[in-house]
PDB file of N, CA and C in Angstrom:
ATOM      1  N   MET A   1      -1.970  32.062  25.838  1.00  0.00           N
ATOM      2  CA  MET A   1      -0.692  31.365  25.241  1.00  0.00           C
ATOM      3  C   MET A   1       0.302  31.417  25.659  1.00  0.00           C
ATOM      4  N   ARG A   2       1.154  30.467  26.297  1.00  0.00           N
ATOM      5  CA  ARG A   2       2.804  30.670  26.496  1.00  0.00           C
ATOM      6  C   ARG A   2       3.534  29.603  26.004  1.00  0.00           C
ATOM      7  N   ARG A   3       5.022  30.058  25.724  1.00  0.00           N
ATOM      8  CA  ARG A   3       5.651  29.250  25.188  1.00  0.00           C
ATOM      9  C   ARG A   3       6.600  28.316  26.642  1.00  0.00           C
ATOM     10  N   VAL A   4       6.730  27.208  26.554  1.00  0.00           N
ATOM     11  CA  VAL A   4       7.191  26.618  27.719  1.00  0.00           C
ATOM     12  C   VAL A   4       8.824  25.659  27.068  1.00  0.00           C
ATOM     13  N   ARG A   5       9.893  26.181  27.472  1.00  0.00           N
ATOM     14  CA  ARG A   5      10.997  25.213  27.108  1.00  0.00           C
ATOM     15  C   ARG A   5      11.142  24.693  28.586  1.00  0.00           C
ATOM     16  N   CYS A   6      11.936  23.390  28.282  1.00  0.00           N
ATOM     17  CA  CYS A   6      12.655  22.536  29.330  1.00  0.00           C
ATOM     18  C   CYS A   6      13.191  21.147  29.043  1.00  0.00           C
ATOM     19  N   ALA A   7      14.064  20.803  29.600  1.00  0.00           N
ATOM     20  CA  ALA A   7      14.873  19.521  29.514  1.00  0.00           C
ATOM     21  C   ALA A   7      14.427  18.499  30.090  1.00  0.00           C
ATOM     22  N   GLU A   8      14.710  17.599  29.465  1.00  0.00           N
ATOM     23  CA  GLU A   8      14.202  15.877  29.988  1.00  0.00           C
ATOM     24  C   GLU A   8      15.497  15.415  30.263  1.00  0.00           C
ATOM     25  N   THR A   9      15.849  14.708  30.936  1.00  0.00           N
ATOM     26  CA  THR A   9      16.720  13.713  30.845  1.00  0.00           C
ATOM     27  C   THR A   9      16.301  12.374  30.262  1.00  0.00           C
ATOM     28  N   GLN A  10      16.543  11.364  29.479  1.00  0.00           N
ATOM     29  CA  GLN A  10      16.244  10.271  29.170  1.00  0.00           C
ATOM     30  C   GLN A  10      17.236   9.253  28.726  1.00  0.00           C
ATOM     31  N   ASN A  11      17.460   8.240  29.761  1.00  0.00           N
ATOM     32  CA  ASN A  11      18.769   7.410  29.112  1.00  0.00           C
ATOM     33  C   ASN A  11      19.778   8.139  29.270  1.00  0.00           C
ATOM     34  N   GLY A  12      20.022   9.283  29.962  1.00  0.00           N
ATOM     35  CA  GLY A  12      21.168   9.926  30.417  1.00  0.00           C
ATOM     36  C   GLY A  12      21.315  10.938  29.223  1.00  0.00           C
ATOM     37  N   GLU A  13      20.264  11.076  28.159  1.00  0.00           N
ATOM     38  CA  GLU A  13      20.302  12.187  27.439  1.00  0.00           C
ATOM     39  C   GLU A  13      19.272  13.233  27.513  1.00  0.00           C
ATOM     40  N   GLU A  14      20.021  14.346  27.235  1.00  0.00           N
ATOM     41  CA  GLU A  14      19.417  15.497  27.529  1.00  0.00           C
ATOM     42  C   GLU A  14      18.224  16.045  26.142  1.00  0.00           C
ATOM     43  N   LYS A  15      17.213  16.337  26.303  1.00  0.00           N
ATOM     44  CA  LYS A  15      16.424  16.825  25.174  1.00  0.00           C
ATOM     45  C   LYS A  15      15.626  18.167  25.494  1.00  0.00           C
ATOM     46  N   ARG A  16      15.550  18.985  24.490  1.00  0.00           N
ATOM     47  CA  ARG A  16      14.794  19.901  24.642  1.00  0.00           C
ATOM     48  C   ARG A  16      13.683  20.032  24.143  1.00  0.00           C
ATOM     49  N   ILE A  17      12.671  20.546  24.939  1.00  0.00           N
ATOM     50  CA  ILE A  17      11.258  20.503  24.022  1.00  0.00           C
ATOM     51  C   ILE A  17      10.645  22.103  24.568  1.00  0.00           C
ATOM     52  N   SER A  18      10.054  22.776  23.442  1.00  0.00           N
ATOM     53  CA  SER A  18       9.259  23.851  23.529  1.00  0.00           C
ATOM     54  C   SER A  18       7.845  23.297  22.715  1.00  0.00           C
ATOM     55  N   ALA A  19       6.807  23.913  23.495  1.00  0.00           N
ATOM     56  CA  ALA A  19       5.483  23.701  23.414  1.00  0.00           C
ATOM     57  C   ALA A  19       4.677  25.011  23.890  1.00  0.00           C
ATOM     58  N   LEU A  20       3.625  25.150  22.893  1.00  0.00           N
ATOM     59  CA  LEU A  20       2.564  26.357  23.557  1.00  0.00           C
ATOM     60  C   LEU A  20       1.507  25.347  24.632  1.00  0.00           C
ATOM     61  N   VAL A  21       1.851  26.238  25.376  1.00  0.00           N
ATOM     62  CA  VAL A  21       0.667  25.292  26.540  1.00  0.00           C
ATOM     63  C   VAL A  21      -0.280  26.993  27.192  1.00  0.00           C
ATOM     64  N   PRO A  22      -1.715  26.924  27.336  1.00  0.00           N
ATOM     65  CA  PRO A  22      -2.270  27.971  28.220  1.00  0.00           C
ATOM     66  C   PRO A  22      -1.739  28.263  29.143  1.00  0.00           C
ATOM     67  N   HIS A  23      -2.132  29.335  29.550  1.00  0.00           N
ATOM     68  CA  HIS A  23      -1.995  30.109  31.041  1.00  0.00           C
ATOM     69  C   HIS A  23      -2.752  28.964  31.860  1.00  0.00           C
ATOM     70  N   PRO A  24      -2.357  29.225  32.971  1.00  0.00           N
ATOM     71  CA  PRO A  24      -2.919  28.538  33.948  1.00  0.00           C
ATOM     72  C   PRO A  24      -4.378  29.212  34.474  1.00  0.00           C
ATOM     73  N   GLY A  25      -5.161  28.490  34.688  1.00  0.00           N
ATOM     74  CA  GLY A  25      -6.629  29.084  35.097  1.00  0.00           C
ATOM     75  C   GLY A  25      -7.420  29.375  33.546  1.00  0.00           C
ATOM     76  N   ARG A  26      -6.867  29.368  32.501  1.00  0.00           N
ATOM     77  CA  ARG A  26      -7.580  29.709  31.132  1.00  0.00           C
ATOM     78  C   ARG A  26      -7.808  28.687  30.290  1.00  0.00           C
ATOM     79  N   GLU A  27      -9.143  28.731  29.817  1.00  0.00           N
ATOM     80  CA  GLU A  27      -9.481  27.512  28.972  1.00  0.00           C
ATOM     81  C   GLU A  27      -8.984  28.194  27.468  1.00  0.00           C
ATOM     82  N   MET A  28      -8.724  27.263  26.664  1.00  0.00           N
ATOM     83  CA  MET A  28      -8.620  27.344  25.174  1.00  0.00           C
ATOM     84  C   MET A  28      -9.947  28.257  24.758  1.00  0.00           C
ATOM     85  N   LYS A  29      -9.983  28.949  23.698  1.00  0.00           N
ATOM     86  CA  LYS A  29     -11.284  29.366  23.027  1.00  0.00           C
ATOM     87  C   LYS A  29     -11.704  28.395  21.927  1.00  0.00           C
ATOM     88  N   VAL A  30     -10.618  27.604  21.409  1.00  0.00           N
ATOM     89  CA  VAL A  30     -11.261  26.633  20.560  1.00  0.00           C
ATOM     90  C   VAL A  30     -10.854  25.232  20.934  1.00  0.00           C
ATOM     91  N   LYS A  31     -12.237  24.330  20.913  1.00  0.00           N
ATOM     92  CA  LYS A  31     -11.754  22.948  21.061  1.00  0.00           C
ATOM     93  C   LYS A  31     -11.978  21.836  19.869  1.00  0.00           C
ATOM     94  N   ILE A  32     -10.988  21.209  19.527  1.00  0.00           N
ATOM     95  CA  ILE A  32     -11.170  20.432  18.394  1.00  0.00           C
ATOM     96  C   ILE A  32     -11.949  19.150  18.823  1.00  0.00           C
ATOM     97  N   LYS A  33     -12.970  19.020  18.081  1.00  0.00           N
ATOM     98  CA  LYS A  33     -13.692  17.821  18.086  1.00  0.00           C
ATOM     99  C   LYS A  33     -13.344  16.637  17.377  1.00  0.00           C
ATOM    100  N   GLN A  34     -12.982  17.180  16.209  1.00  0.00           N
ATOM    101  CA  GLN A  34     -12.966  15.980  15.531  1.00  0.00           C
ATOM    102  C   GLN A  34     -11.564  16.423  14.378  1.00  0.00           C
ATOM    103  N   TRP A  35     -10.923  15.789  13.545  1.00  0.00           N
ATOM    104  CA  TRP A  35      -9.464  15.928  13.045  1.00  0.00           C
ATOM    105  C   TRP A  35      -9.702  15.211  11.787  1.00  0.00           C
ATOM    106  N   HIS A  36      -9.510  15.292  10.576  1.00  0.00           N
ATOM    107  CA  HIS A  36      -9.387  14.619   9.449  1.00  0.00           C
ATOM    108  C   HIS A  36      -7.989  15.150   8.821  1.00  0.00           C
ATOM    109  N   GLY A  37      -7.278  14.452   8.810  1.00  0.00           N
ATOM    110  CA  GLY A  37      -5.847  14.402   8.119  1.00  0.00           C
ATOM    111  C   GLY A  37      -5.910  14.567   6.530  1.00  0.00           C
ATOM    112  N   VAL A  38      -5.709  15.268   5.639  1.00  0.00           N
ATOM    113  CA  VAL A  38      -5.717  15.588   4.374  1.00  0.00           C
ATOM    114  C   VAL A  38      -4.036  15.545   3.898  1.00  0.00           C
ATOM    115  N   ALA A  39      -3.828  14.941   2.609  1.00  0.00           N
ATOM    116  CA  ALA A  39      -2.765  14.675   2.039  1.00  0.00           C
ATOM    117  C   ALA A  39      -3.008  14.852   0.521  1.00  0.00           C
ATOM    118  N   SER A  40      -1.784  15.341  -0.040  1.00  0.00           N
ATOM    119  CA  SER A  40      -1.948  15.620  -1.171  1.00  0.00           C
ATOM    120  C   SER A  40      -0.696  14.940  -2.170  1.00  0.00           C
ATOM    121  N   TRP A  41      -0.864  14.270  -2.687  1.00  0.00           N
ATOM    122  CA  TRP A  41      -0.173  12.952  -3.742  1.00  0.00           C
ATOM    123  C   TRP A  41       0.348  13.910  -5.081  1.00  0.00           C
ATOM    124  N   LEU A  42       1.189  13.851  -5.709  1.00  0.00           N
ATOM    125  CA  LEU A  42       1.623  14.474  -7.231  1.00  0.00           C
ATOM    126  C   LEU A  42       2.395  13.160  -7.709  1.00  0.00           C
ATOM    127  N   TRP A  43       2.069  13.235  -9.036  1.00  0.00           N
ATOM    128  CA  TRP A  43       2.700  12.052  -9.479  1.00  0.00           C
ATOM    129  C   TRP A  43       3.572  12.636 -10.700  1.00  0.00           C
ATOM    130  N   VAL A  44       4.829  12.943 -10.778  1.00  0.00           N
ATOM    131  CA  VAL A  44       5.258  13.320 -11.544  1.00  0.00           C
ATOM    132  C   VAL A  44       5.648  12.286 -12.654  1.00  0.00           C
ATOM    133  N   ALA A  45       4.912  12.571 -13.906  1.00  0.00           N
ATOM    134  CA  ALA A  45       4.976  11.450 -15.169  1.00  0.00           C
ATOM    135  C   ALA A  45       6.540  11.992 -15.556  1.00  0.00           C
ATOM    136  N   ASN A  46       7.039  10.642 -15.834  1.00  0.00           N
ATOM    137  CA  ASN A  46       8.289  10.907 -16.644  1.00  0.00           C
ATOM    138  C   ASN A  46       8.362  10.246 -17.531  1.00  0.00           C
ATOM    139  N   ASP A  47       7.960  10.435 -19.255  1.00  0.00           N
ATOM    140  CA  ASP A  47       7.794  10.044 -20.308  1.00  0.00           C
ATOM    141  C   ASP A  47       8.464   8.958 -20.457  1.00  0.00           C
ATOM    142  N   GLU A  48       9.991   8.903 -20.023  1.00  0.00           N
ATOM    143  CA  GLU A  48      10.987   8.305 -20.342  1.00  0.00           C
ATOM    144  C   GLU A  48      11.101   6.924 -19.623  1.00  0.00           C
ATOM    145  N   ASN A  49      10.502   6.665 -18.429  1.00  0.00           N
ATOM    146  CA  ASN A  49      10.258   5.404 -17.852  1.00  0.00           C
ATOM    147  C   ASN A  49       8.874   5.234 -17.686  1.00  0.00           C
ATOM    148  N   CYS A  50       8.976   3.778 -17.461  1.00  0.00           N
ATOM    149  CA  CYS A  50       7.698   2.718 -17.260  1.00  0.00           C
ATOM    150  C   CYS A  50       6.991   3.299 -15.908  1.00  0.00           C
ATOM    151  N   GLY A  51       5.791   3.425 -16.087  1.00  0.00           N
ATOM    152  CA  GLY A  51       4.987   3.927 -14.993  1.00  0.00           C
ATOM    153  C   GLY A  51       4.997   2.923 -13.747  1.00  0.00           C
ATOM    154  N   ILE A  52       4.977   1.459 -14.229  1.00  0.00           N
ATOM    155  CA  ILE A  52       5.118   0.278 -13.363  1.00  0.00           C
ATOM    156  C   ILE A  52       6.141  -0.169 -12.915  1.00  0.00           C
ATOM    157  N   CYS A  53       7.382  -0.218 -13.706  1.00  0.00           N
ATOM    158  CA  CYS A  53       8.571  -0.888 -12.892  1.00  0.00           C
ATOM    159  C   CYS A  53       9.384   0.132 -12.956  1.00  0.00           C
ATOM    160  N   ARG A  54       9.396   1.855 -13.361  1.00  0.00           N
ATOM    161  CA  ARG A  54      10.262   2.553 -13.235  1.00  0.00           C
ATOM    162  C   ARG A  54      11.357   2.648 -13.666  1.00  0.00           C
ATOM    163  N   ALA A  55      11.617   1.514 -14.727  1.00  0.00           N
ATOM    164  CA  ALA A  55      12.956   1.561 -15.630  1.00  0.00           C
ATOM    165  C   ALA A  55      12.624   2.093 -16.954  1.00  0.00           C
ATOM    166  N   PRO A  56      13.793   2.933 -17.203  1.00  0.00           N
ATOM    167  CA  PRO A  56      13.822   3.298 -18.419  1.00  0.00           C
ATOM    168  C   PRO A  56      13.139   2.800 -19.696  1.00  0.00           C
ATOM    169  N   PHE A  57      12.554   3.181 -20.669  1.00  0.00           N
ATOM    170  CA  PHE A  57      12.168   2.758 -22.057  1.00  0.00           C
ATOM    171  C   PHE A  57      13.282   2.415 -22.747  1.00  0.00           C
ATOM    172  N   ASN A  58      14.424   2.882 -22.882  1.00  0.00           N
ATOM    173  CA  ASN A  58      15.531   2.358 -23.644  1.00  0.00           C
ATOM    174  C   ASN A  58      16.281   1.157 -22.841  1.00  0.00           C
ATOM    175  N   GLY A  59      15.647   0.637 -21.835  1.00  0.00           N
ATOM    176  CA  GLY A  59      16.564  -0.531 -21.334  1.00  0.00           C
ATOM    177  C   GLY A  59      15.257  -1.401 -21.543  1.00  0.00           C
ATOM    178  N   CYS A  60      15.715  -2.214 -20.380  1.00  0.00           N
ATOM    179  CA  CYS A  60      14.283  -3.437 -20.617  1.00  0.00           C
ATOM    180  C   CYS A  60      13.460  -3.415 -19.214  1.00  0.00           C
ATOM    181  N   CYS A  61      12.702  -4.339 -19.285  1.00  0.00           N
ATOM    182  CA  CYS A  61      11.830  -4.280 -18.129  1.00  0.00           C
ATOM    183  C   CYS A  61      12.447  -5.051 -17.145  1.00  0.00           C
ATOM    184  N   PRO A  62      12.367  -5.595 -15.843  1.00  0.00           N
ATOM    185  CA  PRO A  62      12.689  -6.445 -14.913  1.00  0.00           C
ATOM    186  C   PRO A  62      12.700  -7.922 -15.278  1.00  0.00           C
ATOM    187  N   ASP A  63      11.698  -8.541 -16.324  1.00  0.00           N
ATOM    188  CA  ASP A  63      11.167  -9.488 -16.396  1.00  0.00           C
ATOM    189  C   ASP A  63      12.130 -10.207 -18.141  1.00  0.00           C
ATOM    190  N   CYS A  64      13.063  -8.905 -18.585  1.00  0.00           N
ATOM    191  CA  CYS A  64      13.678  -9.297 -19.735  1.00  0.00           C
ATOM    192  C   CYS A  64      15.220  -9.426 -19.480  1.00  0.00           C
ATOM    193  N   LYS A  65      16.102 -10.062 -19.967  1.00  0.00           N
ATOM    194  CA  LYS A  65      17.238 -10.697 -19.749  1.00  0.00           C
ATOM    195  C   LYS A  65      18.485  -9.363 -20.306  1.00  0.00           C
ATOM    196  N   VAL A  66      17.901  -8.803 -21.915  1.00  0.00           N
ATOM    197  CA  VAL A  66      18.561  -8.137 -22.610  1.00  0.00           C
ATOM    198  C   VAL A  66      17.572  -7.152 -23.328  1.00  0.00           C
ATOM    199  N   PRO A  67      18.030  -6.055 -23.499  1.00  0.00           N
ATOM    200  CA  PRO A  67      17.183  -4.692 -24.242  1.00  0.00           C
ATOM    201  C   PRO A  67      16.508  -4.880 -25.177  1.00  0.00           C
ATOM    202  N   GLY A  68      15.674  -4.893 -25.409  1.00  0.00           N
ATOM    203  CA  GLY A  68      14.804  -5.238 -26.623  1.00  0.00           C
ATOM    204  C   GLY A  68      14.283  -6.449 -27.082  1.00  0.00           C
ATOM    205  N   ASP A  69      14.822  -7.738 -25.738  1.00  0.00           N
ATOM    206  CA  ASP A  69      14.187  -8.919 -25.917  1.00  0.00           C
ATOM    207  C   ASP A  69      13.074  -9.245 -26.019  1.00  0.00           C
ATOM    208  N   ASP A  70      11.969  -8.785 -27.042  1.00  0.00           N
ATOM    209  CA  ASP A  70      10.601  -9.264 -27.067  1.00  0.00           C
ATOM    210  C   ASP A  70       9.902  -8.384 -25.753  1.00  0.00           C
ATOM    211  N   CYS A  71      10.303  -7.310 -25.623  1.00  0.00           N
ATOM    212  CA  CYS A  71       9.559  -6.388 -24.599  1.00  0.00           C
ATOM    213  C   CYS A  71       9.099  -5.347 -24.966  1.00  0.00           C
ATOM    214  N   PRO A  72       8.242  -5.069 -26.342  1.00  0.00           N
ATOM    215  CA  PRO A  72       7.618  -3.472 -26.815  1.00  0.00           C
ATOM    216  C   PRO A  72       7.079  -2.886 -25.978  1.00  0.00           C
ATOM    217  N   LEU A  73       7.076  -1.713 -26.397  1.00  0.00           N
ATOM    218  CA  LEU A  73       6.323  -0.804 -25.571  1.00  0.00           C
ATOM    219  C   LEU A  73       5.048  -0.473 -25.933  1.00  0.00           C
ATOM    220  N   VAL A  74       3.755  -0.694 -25.153  1.00  0.00           N
ATOM    221  CA  VAL A  74       2.781  -0.612 -25.451  1.00  0.00           C
ATOM    222  C   VAL A  74       1.774   0.659 -24.873  1.00  0.00           C
ATOM    223  N   TRP A  75       1.085   1.090 -25.823  1.00  0.00           N
ATOM    224  CA  TRP A  75       0.328   2.348 -25.327  1.00  0.00           C
ATOM    225  C   TRP A  75      -1.316   1.910 -24.891  1.00  0.00           C
ATOM    226  N   GLY A  76      -2.020   2.353 -24.085  1.00  0.00           N
ATOM    227  CA  GLY A  76      -3.460   2.674 -23.820  1.00  0.00           C
ATOM    228  C   GLY A  76      -4.205   3.375 -24.534  1.00  0.00           C
ATOM    229  N   GLN A  77      -5.423   3.129 -24.544  1.00  0.00           N
ATOM    230  CA  GLN A  77      -6.274   4.416 -25.246  1.00  0.00           C
ATOM    231  C   GLN A  77      -6.112   5.655 -24.375  1.00  0.00           C
ATOM    232  N   CYS A  78      -5.590   5.378 -23.293  1.00  0.00           N
ATOM    233  CA  CYS A  78      -5.640   6.988 -22.305  1.00  0.00           C
ATOM    234  C   CYS A  78      -4.227   7.249 -22.578  1.00  0.00           C
ATOM    235  N   SER A  79      -3.324   7.090 -23.627  1.00  0.00           N
ATOM    236  CA  SER A  79      -2.051   7.485 -23.835  1.00  0.00           C
ATOM    237  C   SER A  79      -0.784   6.942 -22.829  1.00  0.00           C
ATOM    238  N   HIS A  80      -1.101   6.415 -21.893  1.00  0.00           N
ATOM    239  CA  HIS A  80      -0.019   6.038 -21.108  1.00  0.00           C
ATOM    240  C   HIS A  80       0.577   4.872 -21.679  1.00  0.00           C
ATOM    241  N   CYS A  81       1.887   4.704 -21.480  1.00  0.00           N
ATOM    242  CA  CYS A  81       2.821   3.894 -22.394  1.00  0.00           C
ATOM    243  C   CYS A  81       3.445   3.057 -20.997  1.00  0.00           C
ATOM    244  N   PHE A  82       3.774   1.669 -21.089  1.00  0.00           N
ATOM    245  CA  PHE A  82       4.365   0.766 -20.334  1.00  0.00           C
ATOM    246  C   PHE A  82       5.157  -0.301 -21.213  1.00  0.00           C
ATOM    247  N   HIS A  83       6.238  -1.019 -20.590  1.00  0.00           N
ATOM    248  CA  HIS A  83       6.253  -2.099 -21.168  1.00  0.00           C
ATOM    249  C   HIS A  83       5.620  -3.448 -21.524  1.00  0.00           C
ATOM    250  N   MET A  84       5.366  -4.193 -22.210  1.00  0.00           N
ATOM    251  CA  MET A  84       4.601  -5.088 -22.440  1.00  0.00           C
ATOM    252  C   MET A  84       4.632  -5.753 -21.325  1.00  0.00           C
ATOM    253  N   HIS A  85       5.631  -6.460 -21.010  1.00  0.00           N
ATOM    254  CA  HIS A  85       5.718  -7.497 -19.685  1.00  0.00           C
ATOM    255  C   HIS A  85       4.892  -6.520 -18.645  1.00  0.00           C
ATOM    256  N   CYS A  86       5.340  -5.667 -18.207  1.00  0.00           N
ATOM    257  CA  CYS A  86       4.872  -4.854 -16.943  1.00  0.00           C
ATOM    258  C   CYS A  86       3.105  -4.812 -17.324  1.00  0.00           C
ATOM    259  N   ILE A  87       2.607  -4.206 -18.100  1.00  0.00           N
ATOM    260  CA  ILE A  87       1.247  -3.804 -18.316  1.00  0.00           C
ATOM    261  C   ILE A  87       0.278  -5.123 -18.140  1.00  0.00           C
ATOM    262  N   LEU A  88       1.172  -6.314 -19.196  1.00  0.00           N
ATOM    263  CA  LEU A  88       0.602  -7.759 -18.631  1.00  0.00           C
ATOM    264  C   LEU A  88      -0.031  -8.125 -17.401  1.00  0.00           C
ATOM    265  N   LYS A  89       1.432  -7.949 -16.425  1.00  0.00           N
ATOM    266  CA  LYS A  89       1.592  -8.534 -15.122  1.00  0.00           C
ATOM    267  C   LYS A  89       0.723  -7.545 -14.610  1.00  0.00           C
ATOM    268  N   TRP A  90       0.445  -6.657 -14.975  1.00  0.00           N
ATOM    269  CA  TRP A  90      -0.547  -5.524 -13.817  1.00  0.00           C
ATOM    270  C   TRP A  90      -2.082  -5.887 -13.956  1.00  0.00           C
ATOM    271  N   LEU A  91      -2.158  -6.174 -15.339  1.00  0.00           N
ATOM    272  CA  LEU A  91      -3.540  -6.435 -15.499  1.00  0.00           C
ATOM    273  C   LEU A  91      -4.008  -7.803 -15.043  1.00  0.00           C
ATOM    274  N   ASN A  92      -3.146  -8.743 -15.390  1.00  0.00           N
ATOM    275  CA  ASN A  92      -3.325  -9.962 -14.810  1.00  0.00           C
ATOM    276  C   ASN A  92      -3.240 -10.094 -13.142  1.00  0.00           C
ATOM    277  N   SER A  93      -3.037  -8.974 -12.335  1.00  0.00           N
ATOM    278  CA  SER A  93      -3.171  -8.824 -11.208  1.00  0.00           C
ATOM    279  C   SER A  93      -4.406  -8.301 -10.862  1.00  0.00           C
ATOM    280  N   GLN A  94      -5.495  -7.448 -11.344  1.00  0.00           N
ATOM    281  CA  GLN A  94      -6.683  -7.117 -11.112  1.00  0.00           C
ATOM    282  C   GLN A  94      -7.533  -7.843 -10.971  1.00  0.00           C
ATOM    283  N   GLN A  95      -8.381  -7.967  -9.851  1.00  0.00           N
ATOM    284  CA  GLN A  95      -9.299  -8.715  -9.705  1.00  0.00           C
ATOM    285  C   GLN A  95     -10.677  -8.291 -10.389  1.00  0.00           C
ATOM    286  N   VAL A  96     -11.077  -7.085 -10.425  1.00  0.00           N
ATOM    287  CA  VAL A  96     -12.488  -6.839 -10.572  1.00  0.00           C
ATOM    288  C   VAL A  96     -12.285  -6.208 -12.329  1.00  0.00           C
ATOM    289  N   GLN A  97     -11.940  -5.039 -12.936  1.00  0.00           N
ATOM    290  CA  GLN A  97     -11.974  -4.304 -13.896  1.00  0.00           C
ATOM    291  C   GLN A  97     -10.194  -3.962 -13.997  1.00  0.00           C
ATOM    292  N   GLN A  98      -9.867  -4.520 -15.367  1.00  0.00           N
ATOM    293  CA  GLN A  98      -8.496  -4.037 -15.972  1.00  0.00           C
ATOM    294  C   GLN A  98      -8.608  -2.819 -16.100  1.00  0.00           C
ATOM    295  N   GLN A  99      -7.665  -1.718 -15.303  1.00  0.00           N
ATOM    296  CA  GLN A  99      -7.390  -0.389 -15.095  1.00  0.00           C
ATOM    297  C   GLN A  99      -6.159   0.133 -15.675  1.00  0.00           C
ATOM    298  N   CYS A 100      -5.769   1.050 -16.402  1.00  0.00           N
ATOM    299  CA  CYS A 100      -4.657   1.809 -16.122  1.00  0.00           C
ATOM    300  C   CYS A 100      -3.903   1.893 -14.641  1.00  0.00           C
ATOM    301  N   PRO A 101      -2.685   1.759 -14.439  1.00  0.00           N
ATOM    302  CA  PRO A 101      -2.294   1.975 -13.165  1.00  0.00           C
ATOM    303  C   PRO A 101      -1.972   3.554 -13.058  1.00  0.00           C
ATOM    304  N   MET A 102      -1.799   4.335 -13.926  1.00  0.00           N
ATOM    305  CA  MET A 102      -1.687   5.622 -13.941  1.00  0.00           C
ATOM    306  C   MET A 102      -2.908   6.517 -13.740  1.00  0.00           C
ATOM    307  N   CYS A 103      -4.059   6.406 -14.624  1.00  0.00           N
ATOM    308  CA  CYS A 103      -5.137   7.118 -14.433  1.00  0.00           C
ATOM    309  C   CYS A 103      -6.403   6.630 -13.650  1.00  0.00           C
ATOM    310  N   ARG A 104      -6.372   4.944 -13.925  1.00  0.00           N
ATOM    311  CA  ARG A 104      -7.408   4.160 -13.483  1.00  0.00           C
ATOM    312  C   ARG A 104      -8.605   4.101 -14.421  1.00  0.00           C
ATOM    313  N   GLN A 105      -8.444   4.841 -15.568  1.00  0.00           N
ATOM    314  CA  GLN A 105      -9.308   3.915 -16.549  1.00  0.00           C
ATOM    315  C   GLN A 105      -9.309   2.930 -17.305  1.00  0.00           C
ATOM    316  N   GLU A 106     -10.507   2.651 -17.841  1.00  0.00           N
ATOM    317  CA  GLU A 106     -10.577   1.271 -17.849  1.00  0.00           C
ATOM    318  C   GLU A 106      -9.536   1.013 -18.716  1.00  0.00           C
ATOM    319  N   TRP A 107      -8.782  -0.323 -18.930  1.00  0.00           N
ATOM    320  CA  TRP A 107      -7.436   0.004 -19.778  1.00  0.00           C
ATOM    321  C   TRP A 107      -8.005  -0.907 -21.167  1.00  0.00           C
ATOM    322  N   LYS A 108      -7.594  -0.359 -22.340  1.00  0.00           N
ATOM    323  CA  LYS A 108      -7.796  -0.969 -23.498  1.00  0.00           C
ATOM    324  C   LYS A 108      -6.478  -0.392 -24.346  1.00  0.00           C
ATOM    325  N   PHE A 109      -5.955  -1.550 -24.952  1.00  0.00           N
ATOM    326  CA  PHE A 109      -4.681  -1.444 -25.973  1.00  0.00           C
ATOM    327  C   PHE A 109      -5.214  -0.343 -27.156  1.00  0.00           C
ATOM    328  N   LYS A 110      -4.289   0.503 -27.521  1.00  0.00           N
ATOM    329  CA  LYS A 110      -4.458   1.718 -28.549  1.00  0.00           C
ATOM    330  C   LYS A 110      -4.142   0.688 -29.925  1.00  0.00           C
ATOM    331  N   GLU A 111      -4.755   0.505 -30.470  1.00  0.00           N
ATOM    332  CA  GLU A 111      -4.428  -0.090 -31.728  1.00  0.00           C
ATOM    333  C   GLU A 111      -3.410   0.413 -32.492  1.00  0.00           C
ATOM    334  N   GLY A 112      -2.269  -0.818 -32.940  1.00  0.00           N
ATOM    335  CA  GLY A 112      -1.303  -0.513 -33.942  1.00  0.00           C
ATOM    336  C   GLY A 112      -0.568   0.481 -33.109  1.00  0.00           C
ATOM    337  N   GLU A 113      -0.350   0.469 -31.748  1.00  0.00           N
ATOM    338  CA  GLU A 113       0.655   1.473 -30.935  1.00  0.00           C
ATOM    339  C   GLU A 113       1.805   0.569 -30.149  1.00  0.00           C
ATOM    340  N   THR A 114       2.596  -0.154 -30.881  1.00  0.00           N
ATOM    341  CA  THR A 114       4.012  -0.682 -30.080  1.00  0.00           C
ATOM    342  C   THR A 114       4.851  -0.464 -30.970  1.00  0.00           C
ATOM    343  N   THR A 115       5.929  -0.765 -30.391  1.00  0.00           N
ATOM    344  CA  THR A 115       7.429  -0.383 -30.647  1.00  0.00           C
ATOM    345  C   THR A 115       8.300  -1.427 -30.558  1.00  0.00           C
TER     346      THR A 115
END
């Protein structure tokens, strides 16, 4: 393998390109037959914000006009917490099974856990 650097002019702009190319007359020892892209995703849970609307719990959800205006916090049996309006809107949008938006467990309200 050798590194090739060249400049291209495109629309009057000069671009520098750097690439690895095989030496002339040599084939690569490895041929890629398939490629499967893999990504990792990490949700940083912040207990001070609603996991649906991302608004702080000490404020109000987007559907409320005034903080504390009939917008209690509710917990699921999975221990995730949301604004009541946010989780109800989420659950009504689910077609098949109502799941927690954070962990995908079946959503069930935790008994006696509202603020």
